[in-house]
């Protein structure tokens, strides 16, 4: 079996990504690997051309980043109290692009992602971040489906 020294797991704080996180944490412990916990803030639609009362676009972006940071800190405190070899990352962009980019930049040997198991019209309309990462990544990808 390949020895993984750096495992990247993408989290969106859903049950599906929490399930994938638990798998990634278990693997990081088993291989004495560094765990990279990545959250991608999906770039919001540029609302500058529209009237949005009481909030500027820059303020909205700031609040989204601040909220993501608080969620990540809480997530790490709750789930990584007994594991020190990790780094949390929050970046903005298209999720599949950032997952691949961060994995390459941080020299990850494995990407772990949760999948919602969407099918049919749901998948056509919303796409699948996991599917795009699997298709485009040069780094091995493990997808973990949430048991229903």
N, C-alpha and C. Protein backbone atom coordinates (compact mmCIF):
# COMPACT_ATOMS: atom_id res chain seq x y z
N UNK A 1 0.84 -1.18 0.00
CA UNK A 1 0.00 0.00 0.00
C UNK A 1 0.89 1.24 0.00
N UNK A 2 0.47 2.25 -0.74
CA UNK A 2 1.20 3.50 -0.82
C UNK A 2 1.19 4.21 0.54
N UNK A 3 2.32 4.84 0.87
CA UNK A 3 2.40 5.60 2.12
C UNK A 3 2.04 7.05 1.82
N UNK A 4 1.03 7.55 2.47
CA UNK A 4 0.59 8.92 2.27
C UNK A 4 1.18 9.80 3.37
N UNK A 5 1.91 10.86 2.96
CA UNK A 5 2.51 11.76 3.95
C UNK A 5 1.68 13.01 4.17
N UNK A 6 0.85 13.36 3.18
CA UNK A 6 -0.01 14.53 3.30
C UNK A 6 -1.36 14.22 2.68
N UNK A 7 -2.41 14.34 3.48
CA UNK A 7 -3.77 14.05 3.03
C UNK A 7 -4.58 15.34 3.09
N UNK A 8 -5.17 15.72 1.97
CA UNK A 8 -6.03 16.90 1.93
C UNK A 8 -7.48 16.45 1.94
N UNK A 9 -8.27 17.04 2.83
CA UNK A 9 -9.70 16.77 2.87
C UNK A 9 -10.43 18.09 2.71
N UNK A 10 -11.39 18.12 1.80
CA UNK A 10 -12.20 19.32 1.59
C UNK A 10 -13.46 19.20 2.42
N UNK A 11 -13.77 20.26 3.16
CA UNK A 11 -14.96 20.25 4.01
C UNK A 11 -15.85 21.45 3.67
N UNK A 12 -17.15 21.19 3.67
CA UNK A 12 -18.12 22.27 3.52
C UNK A 12 -19.06 22.30 4.73
N UNK A 13 -18.68 21.55 5.77
CA UNK A 13 -19.39 21.48 7.05
C UNK A 13 -20.73 20.76 6.94
N UNK A 14 -20.93 19.99 5.88
CA UNK A 14 -22.13 19.17 5.73
C UNK A 14 -21.87 17.80 6.35
N UNK A 15 -22.92 17.01 6.50
CA UNK A 15 -22.77 15.64 7.01
C UNK A 15 -21.87 14.82 6.09
N UNK A 16 -22.01 15.03 4.79
CA UNK A 16 -21.22 14.29 3.82
C UNK A 16 -19.74 14.59 3.96
N UNK A 17 -19.39 15.88 4.10
CA UNK A 17 -17.97 16.21 4.23
C UNK A 17 -17.44 15.82 5.61
N UNK A 18 -18.30 15.82 6.63
CA UNK A 18 -17.87 15.37 7.95
C UNK A 18 -17.52 13.88 7.91
N UNK A 19 -18.29 13.12 7.18
CA UNK A 19 -18.03 11.69 7.02
C UNK A 19 -16.68 11.48 6.29
N UNK A 20 -16.44 12.26 5.25
CA UNK A 20 -15.17 12.18 4.53
C UNK A 20 -14.02 12.62 5.42
N UNK A 21 -14.25 13.65 6.23
CA UNK A 21 -13.22 14.13 7.16
C UNK A 21 -12.81 13.02 8.12
N UNK A 22 -13.77 12.29 8.66
CA UNK A 22 -13.47 11.22 9.61
C UNK A 22 -12.59 10.15 8.94
N UNK A 23 -12.87 9.85 7.68
CA UNK A 23 -12.05 8.89 6.93
C UNK A 23 -10.64 9.44 6.74
N UNK A 24 -10.54 10.72 6.34
CA UNK A 24 -9.23 11.34 6.12
C UNK A 24 -8.42 11.40 7.41
N UNK A 25 -9.07 11.73 8.52
CA UNK A 25 -8.39 11.78 9.81
C UNK A 25 -7.87 10.40 10.20
N UNK A 26 -8.67 9.39 10.00
CA UNK A 26 -8.25 8.02 10.30
C UNK A 26 -7.04 7.63 9.46
N UNK A 27 -7.05 8.01 8.18
CA UNK A 27 -5.92 7.70 7.31
C UNK A 27 -4.68 8.48 7.73
N UNK A 28 -4.85 9.75 8.07
CA UNK A 28 -3.71 10.57 8.51
C UNK A 28 -3.09 9.97 9.76
N UNK A 29 -3.91 9.51 10.69
CA UNK A 29 -3.38 8.87 11.90
C UNK A 29 -2.66 7.58 11.56
N UNK A 30 -3.26 6.77 10.69
CA UNK A 30 -2.67 5.49 10.32
C UNK A 30 -1.31 5.64 9.65
N UNK A 31 -1.18 6.67 8.82
CA UNK A 31 0.06 6.87 8.07
C UNK A 31 0.98 7.91 8.72
N UNK A 32 0.62 8.41 9.90
CA UNK A 32 1.38 9.50 10.53
C UNK A 32 1.59 10.64 9.55
N UNK A 33 0.52 10.99 8.86
CA UNK A 33 0.56 12.00 7.81
C UNK A 33 0.04 13.34 8.31
N UNK A 34 0.42 14.38 7.58
CA UNK A 34 -0.15 15.69 7.85
C UNK A 34 -1.54 15.72 7.22
N UNK A 35 -2.48 16.35 7.92
CA UNK A 35 -3.84 16.49 7.42
C UNK A 35 -4.08 17.95 7.07
N UNK A 36 -4.46 18.20 5.82
CA UNK A 36 -4.82 19.54 5.37
C UNK A 36 -6.33 19.60 5.30
N UNK A 37 -6.93 20.48 6.07
CA UNK A 37 -8.38 20.63 6.11
C UNK A 37 -8.72 21.89 5.32
N UNK A 38 -9.34 21.72 4.16
CA UNK A 38 -9.59 22.82 3.24
C UNK A 38 -11.07 23.14 3.14
N UNK A 39 -11.39 24.43 3.26
CA UNK A 39 -12.75 24.90 2.99
C UNK A 39 -12.66 25.93 1.88
N UNK A 40 -13.45 25.74 0.84
CA UNK A 40 -13.46 26.68 -0.28
C UNK A 40 -14.73 27.51 -0.22
N UNK A 41 -14.53 28.82 -0.17
CA UNK A 41 -15.66 29.74 -0.24
C UNK A 41 -15.96 29.91 -1.71
N UNK A 42 -17.12 29.40 -2.12
CA UNK A 42 -17.51 29.52 -3.52
C UNK A 42 -17.70 31.00 -3.82
N UNK A 43 -17.00 31.49 -4.82
CA UNK A 43 -17.06 32.92 -5.13
C UNK A 43 -18.50 33.35 -5.34
N UNK A 44 -18.96 34.33 -4.56
CA UNK A 44 -20.35 34.77 -4.72
C UNK A 44 -20.55 35.49 -6.04
N UNK A 45 -21.77 35.47 -6.50
CA UNK A 45 -22.12 36.19 -7.71
C UNK A 45 -21.87 37.67 -7.47
N UNK A 46 -21.29 38.33 -8.43
CA UNK A 46 -21.01 39.76 -8.29
C UNK A 46 -22.33 40.53 -8.36
N UNK A 47 -22.71 41.11 -7.24
CA UNK A 47 -23.99 41.82 -7.14
C UNK A 47 -23.84 43.32 -7.33
N UNK A 48 -22.67 43.79 -7.74
CA UNK A 48 -22.44 45.23 -7.80
C UNK A 48 -23.39 45.95 -8.75
N UNK A 49 -23.93 45.30 -9.75
CA UNK A 49 -24.83 45.95 -10.69
C UNK A 49 -26.28 45.97 -10.23
N UNK A 50 -26.54 45.35 -9.08
CA UNK A 50 -27.91 45.26 -8.59
C UNK A 50 -28.05 46.03 -7.29
N UNK A 51 -29.27 46.38 -6.97
CA UNK A 51 -29.53 47.06 -5.70
C UNK A 51 -29.68 46.01 -4.61
N UNK A 52 -28.78 46.05 -3.66
CA UNK A 52 -28.86 45.16 -2.49
C UNK A 52 -28.85 46.07 -1.28
N UNK A 53 -29.99 46.25 -0.64
CA UNK A 53 -30.07 47.23 0.44
C UNK A 53 -29.21 46.88 1.65
N UNK A 54 -28.64 47.89 2.26
CA UNK A 54 -27.98 47.82 3.57
C UNK A 54 -26.66 47.06 3.62
N UNK A 55 -26.11 46.63 2.48
CA UNK A 55 -24.85 45.91 2.56
C UNK A 55 -24.05 46.10 1.27
N UNK A 56 -22.78 46.36 1.40
CA UNK A 56 -21.93 46.49 0.22
C UNK A 56 -21.38 45.11 -0.14
N UNK A 57 -20.95 44.98 -1.38
CA UNK A 57 -20.39 43.72 -1.84
C UNK A 57 -19.15 43.35 -1.03
N UNK A 58 -18.29 44.34 -0.77
CA UNK A 58 -17.07 44.09 0.00
C UNK A 58 -17.40 43.64 1.42
N UNK A 59 -18.42 44.25 2.00
CA UNK A 59 -18.83 43.87 3.36
C UNK A 59 -19.39 42.44 3.36
N UNK A 60 -20.15 42.12 2.34
CA UNK A 60 -20.70 40.76 2.23
C UNK A 60 -19.57 39.74 2.13
N UNK A 61 -18.58 40.01 1.28
CA UNK A 61 -17.44 39.11 1.15
C UNK A 61 -16.72 38.94 2.48
N UNK A 62 -16.53 40.06 3.20
CA UNK A 62 -15.86 40.02 4.49
C UNK A 62 -16.61 39.19 5.50
N UNK A 63 -17.94 39.34 5.51
CA UNK A 63 -18.76 38.57 6.45
C UNK A 63 -18.75 37.08 6.12
N UNK A 64 -18.73 36.76 4.84
CA UNK A 64 -18.66 35.34 4.43
C UNK A 64 -17.34 34.74 4.89
N UNK A 65 -16.23 35.46 4.67
CA UNK A 65 -14.91 34.96 5.08
C UNK A 65 -14.83 34.83 6.60
N UNK A 66 -15.34 35.81 7.31
CA UNK A 66 -15.32 35.76 8.78
C UNK A 66 -16.14 34.58 9.30
N UNK A 67 -17.31 34.37 8.70
CA UNK A 67 -18.16 33.23 9.10
C UNK A 67 -17.48 31.90 8.83
N UNK A 68 -16.82 31.80 7.67
CA UNK A 68 -16.11 30.56 7.33
C UNK A 68 -14.98 30.31 8.32
N UNK A 69 -14.26 31.36 8.68
CA UNK A 69 -13.16 31.22 9.63
C UNK A 69 -13.66 30.73 10.99
N UNK A 70 -14.77 31.28 11.46
CA UNK A 70 -15.34 30.85 12.74
C UNK A 70 -15.80 29.39 12.68
N UNK A 71 -16.42 29.02 11.56
CA UNK A 71 -16.87 27.62 11.41
C UNK A 71 -15.68 26.67 11.38
N UNK A 72 -14.61 27.07 10.69
CA UNK A 72 -13.42 26.23 10.60
C UNK A 72 -12.77 26.08 11.97
N UNK A 73 -12.64 27.17 12.72
CA UNK A 73 -12.05 27.10 14.05
C UNK A 73 -12.85 26.18 14.96
N UNK A 74 -14.16 26.31 14.93
CA UNK A 74 -15.03 25.46 15.74
C UNK A 74 -14.91 24.00 15.31
N UNK A 75 -14.90 23.75 14.00
CA UNK A 75 -14.78 22.41 13.46
C UNK A 75 -13.48 21.75 13.91
N UNK A 76 -12.38 22.49 13.81
CA UNK A 76 -11.07 21.95 14.19
C UNK A 76 -10.99 21.71 15.70
N UNK A 77 -11.52 22.63 16.48
CA UNK A 77 -11.53 22.44 17.95
C UNK A 77 -12.28 21.17 18.32
N UNK A 78 -13.42 20.97 17.70
CA UNK A 78 -14.28 19.81 17.99
C UNK A 78 -13.66 18.50 17.53
N UNK A 79 -13.06 18.50 16.33
CA UNK A 79 -12.64 17.25 15.70
C UNK A 79 -11.15 16.94 15.77
N UNK A 80 -10.32 17.92 16.11
CA UNK A 80 -8.88 17.70 16.06
C UNK A 80 -8.19 17.98 17.38
N UNK A 81 -8.91 17.86 18.47
CA UNK A 81 -8.33 18.14 19.79
C UNK A 81 -7.16 17.21 20.11
N UNK A 82 -7.22 15.97 19.64
CA UNK A 82 -6.17 15.00 19.96
C UNK A 82 -5.22 14.74 18.77
N UNK A 83 -5.24 15.62 17.77
CA UNK A 83 -4.40 15.45 16.58
C UNK A 83 -3.75 16.80 16.26
N UNK A 84 -2.44 16.84 16.28
CA UNK A 84 -1.74 18.11 16.11
C UNK A 84 -1.18 18.35 14.72
N UNK A 85 -0.99 17.31 13.93
CA UNK A 85 -0.33 17.44 12.64
C UNK A 85 -1.35 17.80 11.55
N UNK A 86 -1.90 19.01 11.67
CA UNK A 86 -2.86 19.46 10.66
C UNK A 86 -2.68 20.94 10.38
N UNK A 87 -3.22 21.34 9.24
CA UNK A 87 -3.27 22.75 8.86
C UNK A 87 -4.65 22.99 8.27
N UNK A 88 -5.28 24.08 8.69
CA UNK A 88 -6.58 24.43 8.10
C UNK A 88 -6.37 25.56 7.10
N UNK A 89 -7.10 25.47 6.01
CA UNK A 89 -6.98 26.44 4.92
C UNK A 89 -8.37 26.89 4.49
N UNK A 90 -8.52 28.19 4.28
CA UNK A 90 -9.76 28.73 3.72
C UNK A 90 -9.36 29.57 2.52
N UNK A 91 -9.91 29.22 1.37
CA UNK A 91 -9.62 29.95 0.14
C UNK A 91 -10.93 30.22 -0.59
N UNK A 92 -10.90 31.20 -1.48
CA UNK A 92 -12.08 31.52 -2.28
C UNK A 92 -11.83 31.10 -3.72
N UNK A 93 -12.88 30.68 -4.39
CA UNK A 93 -12.77 30.30 -5.79
C UNK A 93 -13.75 29.21 -6.15
N UNK A 94 -13.53 28.62 -7.29
CA UNK A 94 -14.34 27.48 -7.70
C UNK A 94 -13.85 26.26 -6.91
N UNK A 95 -14.74 25.57 -6.22
CA UNK A 95 -14.30 24.48 -5.34
C UNK A 95 -13.39 23.45 -6.00
N UNK A 96 -13.77 22.91 -7.15
CA UNK A 96 -12.93 21.85 -7.73
C UNK A 96 -11.55 22.38 -8.12
N UNK A 97 -11.48 23.61 -8.63
CA UNK A 97 -10.19 24.18 -9.00
C UNK A 97 -9.30 24.40 -7.78
N UNK A 98 -9.89 24.93 -6.71
CA UNK A 98 -9.12 25.21 -5.51
C UNK A 98 -8.67 23.94 -4.80
N UNK A 99 -9.51 22.92 -4.81
CA UNK A 99 -9.13 21.65 -4.18
C UNK A 99 -7.89 21.08 -4.88
N UNK A 100 -7.93 21.05 -6.20
CA UNK A 100 -6.78 20.53 -6.96
C UNK A 100 -5.57 21.43 -6.77
N UNK A 101 -5.76 22.73 -6.88
CA UNK A 101 -4.66 23.69 -6.77
C UNK A 101 -3.98 23.61 -5.39
N UNK A 102 -4.77 23.60 -4.33
CA UNK A 102 -4.21 23.54 -2.98
C UNK A 102 -3.51 22.21 -2.74
N UNK A 103 -4.08 21.12 -3.25
CA UNK A 103 -3.44 19.81 -3.10
C UNK A 103 -2.08 19.79 -3.77
N UNK A 104 -2.00 20.36 -4.97
CA UNK A 104 -0.72 20.41 -5.69
C UNK A 104 0.26 21.34 -4.98
N UNK A 105 -0.22 22.51 -4.58
CA UNK A 105 0.65 23.49 -3.92
C UNK A 105 1.23 22.97 -2.61
N UNK A 106 0.43 22.20 -1.87
CA UNK A 106 0.86 21.68 -0.57
C UNK A 106 1.45 20.28 -0.66
N UNK A 107 1.66 19.78 -1.87
CA UNK A 107 2.25 18.46 -2.12
C UNK A 107 1.49 17.32 -1.45
N UNK A 108 0.18 17.38 -1.53
CA UNK A 108 -0.65 16.29 -0.97
C UNK A 108 -0.48 15.04 -1.82
N UNK A 109 -0.54 13.88 -1.17
CA UNK A 109 -0.46 12.59 -1.86
C UNK A 109 -1.84 12.00 -2.10
N UNK A 110 -2.86 12.57 -1.42
CA UNK A 110 -4.22 12.04 -1.51
C UNK A 110 -5.20 13.16 -1.21
N UNK A 111 -6.29 13.17 -1.98
CA UNK A 111 -7.41 14.08 -1.76
C UNK A 111 -8.59 13.23 -1.32
N UNK A 112 -9.25 13.63 -0.23
CA UNK A 112 -10.43 12.91 0.26
C UNK A 112 -11.62 13.86 0.19
N UNK A 113 -12.70 13.39 -0.45
CA UNK A 113 -13.89 14.21 -0.63
C UNK A 113 -15.14 13.44 -0.28
N UNK A 114 -16.10 14.13 0.28
CA UNK A 114 -17.41 13.54 0.47
C UNK A 114 -18.20 13.70 -0.81
N UNK A 115 -19.14 12.81 -1.02
CA UNK A 115 -20.01 12.92 -2.19
C UNK A 115 -21.44 12.71 -1.73
N UNK A 116 -22.32 13.49 -2.34
CA UNK A 116 -23.73 13.43 -1.98
C UNK A 116 -24.47 12.34 -2.74
N UNK A 117 -23.83 11.80 -3.76
CA UNK A 117 -24.47 10.73 -4.53
C UNK A 117 -25.64 11.22 -5.36
N UNK A 118 -25.59 12.48 -5.80
CA UNK A 118 -26.68 12.98 -6.63
C UNK A 118 -26.69 12.23 -7.95
N UNK A 119 -27.87 12.13 -8.53
CA UNK A 119 -27.99 11.46 -9.82
C UNK A 119 -29.00 12.22 -10.67
N UNK A 120 -29.04 11.88 -11.92
CA UNK A 120 -30.04 12.42 -12.83
C UNK A 120 -29.98 13.93 -12.97
N UNK A 121 -31.16 14.55 -12.94
CA UNK A 121 -31.29 15.98 -13.17
C UNK A 121 -30.53 16.80 -12.14
N UNK A 122 -30.53 16.36 -10.88
CA UNK A 122 -29.79 17.05 -9.82
C UNK A 122 -28.32 17.21 -10.21
N UNK A 123 -27.73 16.13 -10.72
CA UNK A 123 -26.31 16.15 -11.07
C UNK A 123 -26.07 17.04 -12.28
N UNK A 124 -26.99 17.00 -13.24
CA UNK A 124 -26.85 17.83 -14.43
C UNK A 124 -26.94 19.31 -14.06
N UNK A 125 -27.89 19.66 -13.20
CA UNK A 125 -28.10 21.06 -12.84
C UNK A 125 -27.00 21.59 -11.92
N UNK A 126 -26.58 20.80 -10.95
CA UNK A 126 -25.64 21.29 -9.95
C UNK A 126 -24.20 20.84 -10.19
N UNK A 127 -24.01 19.85 -11.05
CA UNK A 127 -22.66 19.35 -11.27
C UNK A 127 -22.18 18.61 -10.04
N UNK A 128 -20.99 18.14 -10.09
CA UNK A 128 -20.44 17.42 -8.96
C UNK A 128 -18.99 17.85 -8.78
N UNK A 129 -18.73 18.52 -7.68
CA UNK A 129 -17.36 18.93 -7.38
C UNK A 129 -16.47 17.69 -7.32
N UNK A 130 -16.93 16.66 -6.63
CA UNK A 130 -16.13 15.44 -6.50
C UNK A 130 -15.82 14.84 -7.87
N UNK A 131 -16.82 14.81 -8.73
CA UNK A 131 -16.61 14.23 -10.06
C UNK A 131 -15.57 15.04 -10.84
N UNK A 132 -15.65 16.36 -10.76
CA UNK A 132 -14.68 17.20 -11.48
C UNK A 132 -13.27 17.01 -10.93
N UNK A 133 -13.15 16.89 -9.61
CA UNK A 133 -11.83 16.67 -9.01
C UNK A 133 -11.28 15.32 -9.46
N UNK A 134 -12.11 14.29 -9.43
CA UNK A 134 -11.66 12.96 -9.84
C UNK A 134 -11.18 12.99 -11.29
N UNK A 135 -11.92 13.67 -12.16
CA UNK A 135 -11.56 13.71 -13.57
C UNK A 135 -10.31 14.53 -13.86
N UNK A 136 -10.09 15.61 -13.12
CA UNK A 136 -9.03 16.55 -13.46
C UNK A 136 -7.77 16.46 -12.61
N UNK A 137 -7.83 15.81 -11.46
CA UNK A 137 -6.69 15.76 -10.56
C UNK A 137 -5.65 14.73 -10.99
N UNK A 138 -4.38 15.10 -10.87
CA UNK A 138 -3.28 14.16 -11.09
C UNK A 138 -2.97 13.40 -9.80
N UNK A 139 -3.50 13.90 -8.69
CA UNK A 139 -3.30 13.30 -7.38
C UNK A 139 -4.44 12.31 -7.12
N UNK A 140 -4.17 11.15 -6.53
CA UNK A 140 -5.25 10.20 -6.25
C UNK A 140 -6.36 10.84 -5.40
N UNK A 141 -7.61 10.46 -5.71
CA UNK A 141 -8.77 11.01 -5.01
C UNK A 141 -9.59 9.86 -4.44
N UNK A 142 -9.92 9.98 -3.17
CA UNK A 142 -10.80 9.01 -2.51
C UNK A 142 -12.11 9.71 -2.24
N UNK A 143 -13.22 9.19 -2.80
CA UNK A 143 -14.52 9.76 -2.50
C UNK A 143 -15.22 8.87 -1.48
N UNK A 144 -15.90 9.52 -0.54
CA UNK A 144 -16.56 8.83 0.54
C UNK A 144 -18.03 9.22 0.51
N UNK A 145 -18.87 8.25 0.28
CA UNK A 145 -20.31 8.51 0.20
C UNK A 145 -20.92 8.38 1.59
N UNK A 146 -21.82 9.28 1.91
CA UNK A 146 -22.52 9.26 3.18
C UNK A 146 -23.53 8.12 3.19
N UNK A 147 -23.44 7.27 4.20
CA UNK A 147 -24.41 6.17 4.33
C UNK A 147 -25.77 6.76 4.68
N UNK A 148 -26.80 6.28 3.99
CA UNK A 148 -28.15 6.81 4.25
C UNK A 148 -28.94 5.88 5.11
